N, C-alpha and C. Protein backbone atom coordinates (compact mmCIF):
# COMPACT_ATOMS: atom_id res chain seq x y z
N UNK A 1 -34.20 53.47 16.32
CA UNK A 1 -35.02 52.32 16.29
C UNK A 1 -35.16 51.73 17.68
N UNK A 2 -36.24 51.35 18.18
CA UNK A 2 -36.38 50.85 19.56
C UNK A 2 -35.90 49.31 19.55
N UNK A 3 -35.58 48.86 20.74
CA UNK A 3 -35.21 47.48 20.82
C UNK A 3 -36.16 46.41 20.34
N UNK A 4 -37.50 46.55 20.71
CA UNK A 4 -38.36 45.49 20.22
C UNK A 4 -38.56 45.65 18.68
N UNK A 5 -38.54 46.81 18.10
CA UNK A 5 -38.66 46.91 16.74
C UNK A 5 -37.47 46.28 16.00
N UNK A 6 -36.33 46.54 16.58
CA UNK A 6 -35.07 45.92 15.96
C UNK A 6 -35.15 44.39 15.99
N UNK A 7 -35.55 43.92 17.13
CA UNK A 7 -35.61 42.43 17.27
C UNK A 7 -36.61 41.87 16.29
N UNK A 8 -37.68 42.53 16.19
CA UNK A 8 -38.77 42.06 15.17
C UNK A 8 -38.21 42.12 13.68
N UNK A 9 -37.53 43.16 13.34
CA UNK A 9 -36.91 43.27 12.06
C UNK A 9 -35.93 42.19 11.75
N UNK A 10 -35.07 41.99 12.68
CA UNK A 10 -34.06 40.96 12.48
C UNK A 10 -34.59 39.50 12.41
N UNK A 11 -35.59 39.25 13.33
CA UNK A 11 -36.22 38.02 13.27
C UNK A 11 -36.99 37.76 11.98
N UNK A 12 -37.58 38.87 11.53
CA UNK A 12 -38.33 38.65 10.23
C UNK A 12 -37.46 38.46 9.09
N UNK A 13 -36.29 39.06 9.13
CA UNK A 13 -35.31 38.83 7.97
C UNK A 13 -34.73 37.37 8.00
N UNK A 14 -34.60 36.87 9.23
CA UNK A 14 -34.07 35.49 9.37
C UNK A 14 -35.08 34.43 8.89
N UNK A 15 -36.32 34.62 9.12
CA UNK A 15 -37.26 33.51 8.93
C UNK A 15 -38.01 33.80 7.53
N UNK A 16 -37.76 34.81 6.85
CA UNK A 16 -38.43 35.11 5.66
C UNK A 16 -37.79 34.16 4.53
N UNK A 17 -38.71 33.36 3.90
CA UNK A 17 -38.22 32.39 2.91
C UNK A 17 -37.61 33.07 1.75
N UNK A 18 -37.98 34.25 1.38
CA UNK A 18 -37.39 34.97 0.26
C UNK A 18 -35.90 35.24 0.45
N UNK A 19 -35.52 35.61 1.68
CA UNK A 19 -34.11 35.98 1.81
C UNK A 19 -33.26 34.75 1.91
N UNK A 20 -33.83 33.55 2.39
CA UNK A 20 -33.08 32.36 2.39
C UNK A 20 -32.96 31.77 1.07
N UNK A 21 -33.87 31.97 0.16
CA UNK A 21 -33.80 31.52 -1.21
C UNK A 21 -32.74 32.36 -2.00
N UNK A 22 -32.62 33.60 -1.69
CA UNK A 22 -31.67 34.53 -2.31
C UNK A 22 -30.28 34.07 -2.05
N UNK A 23 -29.98 33.54 -0.88
CA UNK A 23 -28.68 33.15 -0.48
C UNK A 23 -28.21 31.90 -1.16
N UNK A 24 -29.17 31.01 -1.59
CA UNK A 24 -28.82 29.75 -2.16
C UNK A 24 -29.05 29.70 -3.72
N UNK A 25 -29.85 30.56 -4.33
CA UNK A 25 -30.05 30.49 -5.75
C UNK A 25 -29.58 31.82 -6.40
N UNK A 26 -29.73 31.81 -7.71
CA UNK A 26 -29.28 32.93 -8.50
C UNK A 26 -30.34 34.07 -8.36
N UNK A 27 -29.99 35.20 -8.79
CA UNK A 27 -30.86 36.46 -8.57
C UNK A 27 -32.13 36.35 -9.51
N UNK A 28 -32.00 35.79 -10.68
CA UNK A 28 -33.18 35.69 -11.53
C UNK A 28 -34.19 34.72 -11.04
N UNK A 29 -33.63 33.47 -10.57
CA UNK A 29 -34.57 32.49 -9.95
C UNK A 29 -35.16 33.06 -8.73
N UNK A 30 -34.41 33.81 -7.88
CA UNK A 30 -34.86 34.28 -6.61
C UNK A 30 -36.10 35.29 -6.84
N UNK A 31 -35.95 36.17 -7.87
CA UNK A 31 -36.93 37.16 -7.98
C UNK A 31 -38.34 36.49 -8.50
N UNK A 32 -38.19 35.48 -9.32
CA UNK A 32 -39.49 34.83 -9.67
C UNK A 32 -40.04 34.03 -8.57
N UNK A 33 -39.21 33.33 -7.79
CA UNK A 33 -39.78 32.58 -6.63
C UNK A 33 -40.13 33.48 -5.56
N UNK A 34 -39.59 34.63 -5.36
CA UNK A 34 -39.98 35.52 -4.25
C UNK A 34 -41.31 36.06 -4.46
N UNK A 35 -41.69 36.37 -5.78
CA UNK A 35 -43.10 36.90 -6.04
C UNK A 35 -44.08 35.68 -5.86
N UNK A 36 -43.66 34.36 -6.12
CA UNK A 36 -44.60 33.31 -5.73
C UNK A 36 -44.72 33.21 -4.23
N UNK A 37 -43.70 33.43 -3.47
CA UNK A 37 -43.75 33.31 -1.99
C UNK A 37 -44.73 34.33 -1.43
N UNK A 38 -44.61 35.53 -1.97
CA UNK A 38 -45.41 36.60 -1.47
C UNK A 38 -46.98 36.35 -1.71
N UNK A 39 -47.31 35.54 -2.61
CA UNK A 39 -48.65 35.34 -2.98
C UNK A 39 -49.27 34.34 -2.00
N UNK A 40 -48.46 33.64 -1.07
CA UNK A 40 -49.01 32.76 -0.15
C UNK A 40 -49.90 33.51 0.74
N UNK A 41 -50.98 32.97 1.36
CA UNK A 41 -51.80 33.80 2.15
C UNK A 41 -51.50 33.66 3.66
N UNK A 42 -51.21 32.44 4.19
CA UNK A 42 -50.95 32.42 5.63
C UNK A 42 -49.46 32.15 5.92
N UNK A 43 -48.94 32.99 6.88
CA UNK A 43 -47.64 32.72 7.29
C UNK A 43 -47.40 31.38 7.99
N UNK A 44 -46.14 30.89 7.96
CA UNK A 44 -45.90 29.52 8.58
C UNK A 44 -45.84 29.62 10.05
N UNK A 45 -45.61 28.50 10.72
CA UNK A 45 -45.70 28.49 12.26
C UNK A 45 -44.38 29.15 12.79
N UNK A 46 -43.34 29.10 12.08
CA UNK A 46 -42.19 29.77 12.60
C UNK A 46 -42.41 31.31 12.65
N UNK A 47 -42.98 31.86 11.50
CA UNK A 47 -43.18 33.34 11.44
C UNK A 47 -44.13 33.71 12.58
N UNK A 48 -45.23 32.91 12.70
CA UNK A 48 -46.18 33.31 13.77
C UNK A 48 -45.57 33.29 15.14
N UNK A 49 -44.61 32.29 15.41
CA UNK A 49 -43.96 32.16 16.67
C UNK A 49 -43.03 33.36 17.00
N UNK A 50 -42.37 33.85 15.89
CA UNK A 50 -41.46 34.96 15.98
C UNK A 50 -42.31 36.19 16.28
N UNK A 51 -43.46 36.42 15.62
CA UNK A 51 -44.33 37.56 15.84
C UNK A 51 -44.73 37.56 17.27
N UNK A 52 -45.26 36.38 17.80
CA UNK A 52 -45.68 36.29 19.19
C UNK A 52 -44.58 36.68 20.11
N UNK A 53 -43.34 36.12 19.93
CA UNK A 53 -42.21 36.40 20.77
C UNK A 53 -41.84 37.87 20.80
N UNK A 54 -41.83 38.47 19.55
CA UNK A 54 -41.52 39.92 19.38
C UNK A 54 -42.49 40.76 20.14
N UNK A 55 -43.82 40.44 20.08
CA UNK A 55 -44.78 41.26 20.76
C UNK A 55 -44.71 41.12 22.23
N UNK A 56 -44.44 39.81 22.66
CA UNK A 56 -44.27 39.65 24.08
C UNK A 56 -43.07 40.47 24.64
N UNK A 57 -41.97 40.47 23.91
CA UNK A 57 -40.78 41.14 24.25
C UNK A 57 -41.05 42.72 24.38
N UNK A 58 -41.84 43.14 23.41
CA UNK A 58 -42.25 44.58 23.36
C UNK A 58 -43.05 44.90 24.51
N UNK A 59 -43.94 44.08 24.90
CA UNK A 59 -44.77 44.30 26.07
C UNK A 59 -43.98 44.41 27.34
N UNK A 60 -43.11 43.41 27.50
CA UNK A 60 -42.23 43.38 28.71
C UNK A 60 -41.34 44.59 28.86
N UNK A 61 -40.82 45.02 27.73
CA UNK A 61 -39.86 46.22 27.77
C UNK A 61 -40.62 47.50 28.19
N UNK A 62 -41.89 47.63 27.64
CA UNK A 62 -42.74 48.78 28.02
C UNK A 62 -43.12 48.77 29.41
N UNK A 63 -43.41 47.44 30.02
CA UNK A 63 -43.77 47.39 31.41
C UNK A 63 -42.53 47.74 32.25
N UNK A 64 -41.35 47.23 31.86
CA UNK A 64 -40.12 47.53 32.58
C UNK A 64 -39.81 48.98 32.66
N UNK A 65 -40.03 49.71 31.49
CA UNK A 65 -39.75 51.11 31.40
C UNK A 65 -40.73 51.87 32.31
N UNK A 66 -41.91 51.43 32.42
CA UNK A 66 -42.91 52.08 33.25
C UNK A 66 -42.73 51.93 34.63
N UNK A 67 -42.15 50.71 35.04
CA UNK A 67 -41.96 50.36 36.45
C UNK A 67 -40.81 51.09 36.98
N UNK A 68 -39.68 50.91 36.37
CA UNK A 68 -38.38 51.42 36.79
C UNK A 68 -38.20 52.89 36.62
N UNK A 69 -37.86 53.57 37.72
CA UNK A 69 -37.65 55.02 37.61
C UNK A 69 -36.36 55.28 36.84
N UNK A 70 -36.24 56.45 36.24
CA UNK A 70 -35.01 56.80 35.43
C UNK A 70 -33.95 57.22 36.53
N UNK A 71 -32.78 56.56 36.51
CA UNK A 71 -31.67 56.91 37.42
C UNK A 71 -31.37 58.35 37.16
N UNK A 72 -30.87 59.10 38.11
CA UNK A 72 -30.44 60.42 37.99
C UNK A 72 -29.08 60.37 37.26
N UNK A 73 -28.86 61.40 36.44
CA UNK A 73 -27.62 61.36 35.71
C UNK A 73 -26.39 61.72 36.50
N UNK A 74 -26.56 62.51 37.53
CA UNK A 74 -25.38 62.88 38.40
C UNK A 74 -25.63 62.43 39.84
N UNK A 75 -24.68 61.85 40.54
CA UNK A 75 -24.83 61.43 41.88
C UNK A 75 -24.93 62.79 42.73
N UNK A 76 -25.74 62.65 43.88
CA UNK A 76 -25.85 63.77 44.72
C UNK A 76 -24.51 64.02 45.56
N UNK A 77 -24.25 65.33 45.68
CA UNK A 77 -23.12 65.71 46.44
C UNK A 77 -21.82 65.63 45.74
N UNK A 78 -20.72 66.24 46.25
CA UNK A 78 -19.44 66.25 45.67
C UNK A 78 -18.71 64.98 46.05
N UNK A 79 -17.62 64.71 45.37
CA UNK A 79 -16.89 63.50 45.65
C UNK A 79 -16.44 63.37 47.09
N UNK A 80 -16.03 64.53 47.58
CA UNK A 80 -15.50 64.51 49.00
C UNK A 80 -16.68 64.20 49.95
N UNK A 81 -17.86 64.65 49.69
CA UNK A 81 -18.99 64.28 50.56
C UNK A 81 -19.44 62.85 50.44
N UNK A 82 -19.32 62.25 49.21
CA UNK A 82 -19.64 60.86 49.06
C UNK A 82 -18.50 59.91 49.53
N UNK A 83 -17.32 60.37 49.55
CA UNK A 83 -16.11 59.46 49.99
C UNK A 83 -15.26 60.19 50.93
N UNK A 84 -15.76 60.47 52.20
CA UNK A 84 -14.89 61.18 53.10
C UNK A 84 -13.68 60.45 53.60
N UNK A 85 -13.73 59.08 53.73
CA UNK A 85 -12.49 58.43 54.21
C UNK A 85 -11.42 58.48 53.13
N UNK A 86 -11.82 58.21 51.89
CA UNK A 86 -10.75 58.28 50.82
C UNK A 86 -10.17 59.66 50.72
N UNK A 87 -10.99 60.62 50.81
CA UNK A 87 -10.60 62.09 50.72
C UNK A 87 -9.54 62.32 51.85
N UNK A 88 -10.08 61.85 53.07
CA UNK A 88 -9.08 62.11 54.21
C UNK A 88 -7.79 61.43 54.02
N UNK A 89 -7.80 60.12 53.47
CA UNK A 89 -6.52 59.43 53.26
C UNK A 89 -5.65 60.13 52.22
N UNK A 90 -6.30 60.62 51.23
CA UNK A 90 -5.44 61.37 50.12
C UNK A 90 -4.92 62.65 50.66
N UNK A 91 -5.69 63.36 51.54
CA UNK A 91 -5.21 64.64 52.10
C UNK A 91 -4.10 64.34 53.07
N UNK A 92 -4.26 63.18 53.87
CA UNK A 92 -3.27 62.78 54.85
C UNK A 92 -1.97 62.36 54.11
N UNK A 93 -2.06 61.67 53.00
CA UNK A 93 -0.83 61.24 52.29
C UNK A 93 -0.12 62.45 51.76
N UNK A 94 -0.95 63.49 51.27
CA UNK A 94 -0.38 64.69 50.74
C UNK A 94 0.40 65.41 51.82
N UNK A 95 -0.29 65.58 52.92
CA UNK A 95 0.43 66.26 54.08
C UNK A 95 1.70 65.50 54.50
N UNK A 96 1.58 64.13 54.60
CA UNK A 96 2.74 63.33 54.95
C UNK A 96 3.87 63.51 54.03
N UNK A 97 3.56 63.58 52.74
CA UNK A 97 4.60 63.75 51.65
C UNK A 97 5.34 65.17 51.86
N UNK A 98 4.50 66.12 52.11
CA UNK A 98 5.08 67.49 52.38
C UNK A 98 6.04 67.46 53.62
N UNK A 99 5.56 66.85 54.69
CA UNK A 99 6.33 66.75 55.89
C UNK A 99 7.60 65.86 55.57
N UNK A 100 7.52 64.88 54.86
CA UNK A 100 8.62 63.95 54.61
C UNK A 100 9.69 64.69 53.77
N UNK A 101 9.23 65.42 52.73
CA UNK A 101 10.17 66.18 51.95
C UNK A 101 10.87 67.32 52.74
N UNK A 102 10.04 67.95 53.57
CA UNK A 102 10.63 69.04 54.42
C UNK A 102 11.68 68.48 55.35
N UNK A 103 11.44 67.39 56.00
CA UNK A 103 12.32 66.82 56.92
C UNK A 103 13.59 66.27 56.19
N UNK A 104 13.38 65.72 55.05
CA UNK A 104 14.47 65.25 54.31
C UNK A 104 15.35 66.40 53.79
N UNK A 105 14.80 67.47 53.40
CA UNK A 105 15.54 68.60 52.89
C UNK A 105 16.36 69.27 54.08
N UNK A 106 15.84 69.26 55.28
CA UNK A 106 16.46 69.95 56.38
C UNK A 106 17.35 68.99 57.22
N UNK A 107 17.40 67.80 56.88
CA UNK A 107 18.16 66.78 57.67
C UNK A 107 19.65 67.00 57.39
N UNK A 108 20.46 66.89 58.61
CA UNK A 108 21.86 67.10 58.53
C UNK A 108 22.43 65.65 58.59
N UNK A 109 23.47 65.46 57.82
CA UNK A 109 24.10 64.14 57.77
C UNK A 109 25.62 64.32 57.87
N UNK A 110 26.21 63.54 58.67
CA UNK A 110 27.65 63.66 58.93
C UNK A 110 28.35 63.26 57.58
N UNK A 111 29.41 63.93 57.26
CA UNK A 111 30.09 63.75 56.00
C UNK A 111 30.63 62.28 55.86
N UNK A 112 30.79 61.54 56.96
CA UNK A 112 31.45 60.26 56.78
C UNK A 112 30.42 59.12 56.54
N UNK A 113 29.16 59.54 56.65
CA UNK A 113 28.00 58.51 56.42
C UNK A 113 27.13 58.92 55.20
N UNK A 114 26.58 57.98 54.65
CA UNK A 114 25.56 58.13 53.54
C UNK A 114 24.13 58.27 54.24
N UNK A 115 23.47 59.31 53.93
CA UNK A 115 22.17 59.45 54.59
C UNK A 115 21.02 58.79 53.66
N UNK A 116 20.29 57.96 54.31
CA UNK A 116 19.17 57.35 53.62
C UNK A 116 17.83 57.97 54.09
N UNK A 117 17.92 59.02 54.85
CA UNK A 117 16.79 59.53 55.51
C UNK A 117 15.84 60.27 54.50
N UNK A 118 16.32 60.77 53.34
CA UNK A 118 15.56 61.44 52.38
C UNK A 118 14.47 60.44 51.79
N UNK A 119 14.93 59.26 51.32
CA UNK A 119 13.99 58.19 50.70
C UNK A 119 13.08 57.69 51.77
N UNK A 120 13.58 57.47 53.02
CA UNK A 120 12.82 56.93 54.05
C UNK A 120 11.70 57.92 54.53
N UNK A 121 11.99 59.12 54.47
CA UNK A 121 11.07 60.16 55.01
C UNK A 121 9.98 60.39 53.89
N UNK A 122 10.34 60.39 52.63
CA UNK A 122 9.37 60.51 51.52
C UNK A 122 8.45 59.38 51.52
N UNK A 123 8.91 58.12 51.81
CA UNK A 123 7.94 57.06 51.79
C UNK A 123 7.19 56.78 53.22
N UNK A 124 7.92 57.09 54.34
CA UNK A 124 7.46 56.76 55.55
C UNK A 124 6.28 57.75 56.02
N UNK A 125 6.45 59.04 55.87
CA UNK A 125 5.49 59.98 56.29
C UNK A 125 4.15 59.91 55.60
N UNK A 126 4.22 59.80 54.31
CA UNK A 126 2.78 59.60 53.64
C UNK A 126 2.19 58.36 54.13
N UNK A 127 2.84 57.21 54.38
CA UNK A 127 2.21 55.99 54.82
C UNK A 127 1.74 56.19 56.34
N UNK A 128 2.37 57.06 57.00
CA UNK A 128 1.93 57.38 58.44
C UNK A 128 0.78 58.33 58.49
N UNK A 129 0.73 59.34 57.58
CA UNK A 129 -0.28 60.35 57.71
C UNK A 129 -1.57 59.90 56.91
N UNK A 130 -1.50 58.95 56.03
CA UNK A 130 -2.72 58.53 55.21
C UNK A 130 -3.67 57.92 56.11
N UNK A 131 -3.32 56.97 56.98
CA UNK A 131 -4.32 56.37 57.88
C UNK A 131 -4.94 57.38 58.90
N UNK A 132 -4.03 58.29 59.30
CA UNK A 132 -4.61 59.41 60.16
C UNK A 132 -5.55 60.24 59.52
N UNK A 133 -5.39 60.52 58.21
CA UNK A 133 -6.32 61.34 57.42
C UNK A 133 -7.62 60.45 57.24
N UNK A 134 -7.43 59.25 57.01
CA UNK A 134 -8.60 58.34 56.81
C UNK A 134 -9.49 58.29 58.05
N UNK A 135 -8.78 58.29 59.21
CA UNK A 135 -9.44 58.25 60.47
C UNK A 135 -10.28 59.54 60.67
N UNK A 136 -9.60 60.63 60.43
CA UNK A 136 -10.30 61.95 60.49
C UNK A 136 -11.53 61.96 59.50
N UNK A 137 -11.28 61.42 58.31
CA UNK A 137 -12.47 61.32 57.37
C UNK A 137 -13.61 60.52 58.01
N UNK A 138 -13.30 59.32 58.57
CA UNK A 138 -14.39 58.56 59.16
C UNK A 138 -15.09 59.22 60.40
N UNK A 139 -14.27 59.99 61.14
CA UNK A 139 -14.91 60.76 62.20
C UNK A 139 -15.84 61.77 61.60
N UNK A 140 -15.51 62.48 60.51
CA UNK A 140 -16.22 63.58 59.97
C UNK A 140 -17.44 62.90 59.40
N UNK A 141 -17.39 61.73 58.69
CA UNK A 141 -18.53 61.09 58.14
C UNK A 141 -19.51 60.63 59.15
N UNK A 142 -19.05 60.16 60.28
CA UNK A 142 -19.95 59.64 61.32
C UNK A 142 -20.63 60.77 62.05
N UNK A 143 -20.09 61.94 62.07
CA UNK A 143 -20.74 63.15 62.69
C UNK A 143 -21.90 63.79 61.83
N UNK A 144 -21.89 63.39 60.68
CA UNK A 144 -22.95 63.97 59.77
C UNK A 144 -24.32 63.24 59.98
């Protein structure tokens, strides 16, 4: 169901005297009064206003659909092409992590001291290499 048709159906259900009588009276009384309501010839001012508003909304939505182009489902290019700085930062952080783990694994520590180089290397090198990777990504993006 389209949006204007749905709006028209809901508004029609709200302003219909038959449905409002059914909510307040018994079913037998409602069926006899509903047939009497249906025999009325002209709709009330509220019904006419709702019909006008529904037709106006339908016209506006058709004009909007005709004017606005349909957006493409997929963005153009890969994620790396669209976000070169972020990609460079992620690659730099990954390289820094590998460098930090490698340096921490090969570090020699005197037996009398506790070495804290492993944790420092794992956190320091990714934070050092991530901005360098972002800088490389920015340079690549500006050369395109």
